[in-house]
N, C-alpha and C. Protein backbone atom coordinates (compact mmCIF):
# COMPACT_ATOMS: atom_id res chain seq x y z
N UNK A 1 22.70 -14.50 -28.00
CA UNK A 1 21.47 -14.61 -27.23
C UNK A 1 21.13 -16.07 -26.99
N UNK A 2 20.41 -16.30 -25.96
CA UNK A 2 19.98 -17.66 -25.66
C UNK A 2 18.72 -17.98 -26.44
N UNK A 3 18.37 -19.23 -26.48
CA UNK A 3 17.15 -19.66 -27.15
C UNK A 3 15.92 -19.02 -26.52
N UNK A 4 15.89 -18.97 -25.18
CA UNK A 4 14.76 -18.34 -24.49
C UNK A 4 14.67 -16.85 -24.84
N UNK A 5 15.80 -16.18 -24.90
CA UNK A 5 15.82 -14.77 -25.25
C UNK A 5 15.36 -14.57 -26.69
N UNK A 6 15.85 -15.41 -27.59
CA UNK A 6 15.42 -15.33 -29.00
C UNK A 6 13.92 -15.54 -29.12
N UNK A 7 13.41 -16.52 -28.40
CA UNK A 7 11.98 -16.83 -28.44
C UNK A 7 11.15 -15.66 -27.90
N UNK A 8 11.58 -15.10 -26.79
CA UNK A 8 10.88 -13.97 -26.20
C UNK A 8 10.89 -12.78 -27.16
N UNK A 9 12.05 -12.49 -27.72
CA UNK A 9 12.16 -11.37 -28.66
C UNK A 9 11.24 -11.58 -29.86
N UNK A 10 11.17 -12.77 -30.36
CA UNK A 10 10.31 -13.07 -31.50
C UNK A 10 8.83 -12.90 -31.14
N UNK A 11 8.44 -13.42 -29.99
CA UNK A 11 7.04 -13.32 -29.57
C UNK A 11 6.62 -11.88 -29.29
N UNK A 12 7.47 -11.15 -28.57
CA UNK A 12 7.15 -9.75 -28.25
C UNK A 12 7.11 -8.93 -29.55
N UNK A 13 8.07 -9.16 -30.42
CA UNK A 13 8.09 -8.45 -31.70
C UNK A 13 6.83 -8.70 -32.52
N UNK A 14 6.38 -9.93 -32.55
CA UNK A 14 5.17 -10.27 -33.30
C UNK A 14 3.94 -9.58 -32.71
N UNK A 15 3.84 -9.58 -31.39
CA UNK A 15 2.70 -8.93 -30.73
C UNK A 15 2.71 -7.42 -31.01
N UNK A 16 3.90 -6.81 -30.91
CA UNK A 16 3.98 -5.37 -31.17
C UNK A 16 3.68 -5.03 -32.62
N UNK A 17 4.11 -5.85 -33.55
CA UNK A 17 3.81 -5.61 -34.96
C UNK A 17 2.31 -5.74 -35.23
N UNK A 18 1.68 -6.72 -34.60
CA UNK A 18 0.24 -6.89 -34.75
C UNK A 18 -0.50 -5.68 -34.16
N UNK A 19 -0.07 -5.25 -32.99
CA UNK A 19 -0.67 -4.08 -32.36
C UNK A 19 -0.45 -2.84 -33.22
N UNK A 20 0.75 -2.69 -33.77
CA UNK A 20 1.07 -1.53 -34.60
C UNK A 20 0.17 -1.46 -35.83
N UNK A 21 -0.20 -2.60 -36.36
CA UNK A 21 -1.08 -2.62 -37.53
C UNK A 21 -2.49 -2.17 -37.16
N UNK A 22 -2.90 -2.44 -35.94
CA UNK A 22 -4.26 -2.11 -35.51
C UNK A 22 -4.34 -0.76 -34.78
N UNK A 23 -3.37 -0.52 -33.91
CA UNK A 23 -3.38 0.70 -33.08
C UNK A 23 -1.94 1.23 -32.98
N UNK A 24 -1.46 1.88 -34.03
CA UNK A 24 -0.06 2.29 -34.05
C UNK A 24 0.34 3.23 -32.92
N UNK A 25 -0.52 4.13 -32.52
CA UNK A 25 -0.17 5.05 -31.43
C UNK A 25 0.05 4.31 -30.12
N UNK A 26 -0.76 3.30 -29.87
CA UNK A 26 -0.60 2.51 -28.65
C UNK A 26 0.70 1.70 -28.69
N UNK A 27 1.01 1.13 -29.84
CA UNK A 27 2.26 0.37 -29.98
C UNK A 27 3.46 1.28 -29.77
N UNK A 28 3.41 2.48 -30.34
CA UNK A 28 4.50 3.42 -30.18
C UNK A 28 4.64 3.85 -28.73
N UNK A 29 3.54 4.03 -28.04
CA UNK A 29 3.56 4.40 -26.63
C UNK A 29 4.22 3.31 -25.79
N UNK A 30 3.91 2.07 -26.08
CA UNK A 30 4.49 0.95 -25.34
C UNK A 30 6.00 0.87 -25.58
N UNK A 31 6.40 0.96 -26.84
CA UNK A 31 7.83 0.88 -27.17
C UNK A 31 8.59 2.05 -26.56
N UNK A 32 8.02 3.24 -26.65
CA UNK A 32 8.68 4.42 -26.09
C UNK A 32 8.82 4.29 -24.58
N UNK A 33 7.77 3.82 -23.93
CA UNK A 33 7.82 3.63 -22.48
C UNK A 33 8.89 2.64 -22.08
N UNK A 34 9.01 1.55 -22.82
CA UNK A 34 10.05 0.55 -22.54
C UNK A 34 11.44 1.15 -22.73
N UNK A 35 11.62 1.88 -23.83
CA UNK A 35 12.92 2.49 -24.12
C UNK A 35 13.31 3.47 -23.01
N UNK A 36 12.40 4.35 -22.65
CA UNK A 36 12.69 5.36 -21.62
C UNK A 36 12.99 4.67 -20.30
N UNK A 37 12.22 3.66 -19.94
CA UNK A 37 12.46 2.94 -18.69
C UNK A 37 13.84 2.29 -18.66
N UNK A 38 14.25 1.70 -19.77
CA UNK A 38 15.58 1.08 -19.84
C UNK A 38 16.68 2.12 -19.74
N UNK A 39 16.52 3.25 -20.41
CA UNK A 39 17.53 4.31 -20.35
C UNK A 39 17.63 4.87 -18.93
N UNK A 40 16.51 5.13 -18.31
CA UNK A 40 16.49 5.66 -16.93
C UNK A 40 17.16 4.66 -15.98
N UNK A 41 16.88 3.37 -16.13
CA UNK A 41 17.51 2.35 -15.29
C UNK A 41 19.02 2.31 -15.52
N UNK A 42 19.44 2.46 -16.77
CA UNK A 42 20.86 2.47 -17.10
C UNK A 42 21.55 3.67 -16.46
N UNK A 43 20.94 4.84 -16.56
CA UNK A 43 21.50 6.06 -15.97
C UNK A 43 21.58 5.90 -14.46
N UNK A 44 20.54 5.37 -13.85
CA UNK A 44 20.52 5.16 -12.41
C UNK A 44 21.61 4.18 -11.99
N UNK A 45 21.82 3.13 -12.77
CA UNK A 45 22.84 2.13 -12.45
C UNK A 45 24.25 2.71 -12.52
N UNK A 46 24.40 3.77 -13.31
CA UNK A 46 25.70 4.45 -13.41
C UNK A 46 25.87 5.50 -12.31
N UNK A 47 24.95 5.49 -11.33
CA UNK A 47 24.96 6.43 -10.21
C UNK A 47 24.86 7.88 -10.67
N UNK A 48 24.14 8.08 -11.77
CA UNK A 48 23.83 9.43 -12.23
C UNK A 48 22.37 9.71 -11.88
N UNK A 49 21.97 10.96 -11.95
CA UNK A 49 20.62 11.35 -11.55
C UNK A 49 19.63 11.10 -12.68
N UNK A 50 18.79 10.08 -12.56
CA UNK A 50 17.83 9.77 -13.63
C UNK A 50 16.66 10.76 -13.68
N UNK A 51 16.60 11.67 -12.71
CA UNK A 51 15.52 12.66 -12.69
C UNK A 51 15.83 13.86 -13.59
N UNK A 52 17.08 13.98 -13.99
CA UNK A 52 17.49 15.09 -14.86
C UNK A 52 17.23 14.74 -16.32
N UNK A 53 17.30 15.75 -17.17
CA UNK A 53 17.17 15.53 -18.61
C UNK A 53 18.30 14.61 -19.08
N UNK A 54 17.97 13.66 -19.95
CA UNK A 54 18.96 12.70 -20.46
C UNK A 54 19.10 12.94 -21.96
N UNK A 55 20.33 13.15 -22.42
CA UNK A 55 20.58 13.38 -23.84
C UNK A 55 21.38 12.22 -24.40
N UNK A 56 20.93 11.71 -25.55
CA UNK A 56 21.59 10.60 -26.21
C UNK A 56 22.09 11.10 -27.57
N UNK A 57 23.39 11.01 -27.77
CA UNK A 57 23.99 11.44 -29.02
C UNK A 57 23.70 10.40 -30.09
N UNK A 58 23.00 10.80 -31.12
CA UNK A 58 22.62 9.88 -32.19
C UNK A 58 23.65 9.74 -33.28
N UNK A 59 24.84 10.32 -33.08
CA UNK A 59 25.87 10.24 -34.13
C UNK A 59 25.39 10.94 -35.39
N UNK A 60 25.41 10.22 -36.51
CA UNK A 60 24.95 10.79 -37.78
C UNK A 60 23.43 10.81 -37.88
N UNK A 61 22.76 10.17 -36.92
CA UNK A 61 21.30 10.12 -36.91
C UNK A 61 20.77 11.17 -35.95
N UNK A 62 19.49 11.14 -35.69
CA UNK A 62 18.89 12.11 -34.77
C UNK A 62 19.33 11.86 -33.33
N UNK A 63 19.50 12.95 -32.60
CA UNK A 63 19.77 12.85 -31.17
C UNK A 63 18.44 12.63 -30.46
N UNK A 64 18.51 12.10 -29.25
CA UNK A 64 17.31 11.85 -28.45
C UNK A 64 17.47 12.56 -27.13
N UNK A 65 16.43 13.26 -26.70
CA UNK A 65 16.40 13.89 -25.39
C UNK A 65 15.21 13.33 -24.61
N UNK A 66 15.49 12.82 -23.43
CA UNK A 66 14.44 12.37 -22.53
C UNK A 66 14.34 13.42 -21.43
N UNK A 67 13.24 14.13 -21.44
CA UNK A 67 13.07 15.23 -20.49
C UNK A 67 12.81 14.68 -19.09
N UNK A 68 13.08 15.51 -18.10
CA UNK A 68 12.79 15.14 -16.72
C UNK A 68 11.31 14.82 -16.60
N UNK A 69 10.98 13.98 -15.63
CA UNK A 69 9.58 13.61 -15.42
C UNK A 69 8.73 14.87 -15.23
N UNK A 70 7.52 14.85 -15.71
CA UNK A 70 6.62 16.00 -15.58
C UNK A 70 6.46 16.34 -14.11
N UNK A 71 6.49 17.64 -13.84
CA UNK A 71 6.34 18.10 -12.46
C UNK A 71 7.65 18.17 -11.71
N UNK A 72 8.76 17.79 -12.36
CA UNK A 72 10.07 17.87 -11.74
C UNK A 72 10.94 18.77 -12.58
N UNK A 73 11.96 19.34 -11.97
CA UNK A 73 12.86 20.21 -12.74
C UNK A 73 14.20 19.54 -12.93
């Protein structure tokens, strides 16, 4: 990583940890939204349909399913 990337990661991480201490549900919502947005962008970049359900194999850990956007099938 670059110095700018390291700095950004450190600053964002600190803000999220501070928010998590005060309003954990809001912090979780922000992190989840970022994760889902990144996964959807990745799927779209692979020329797959990001509107469909997305399944992530968690290996020995939990699997993750990102359901289609509400109101879509």
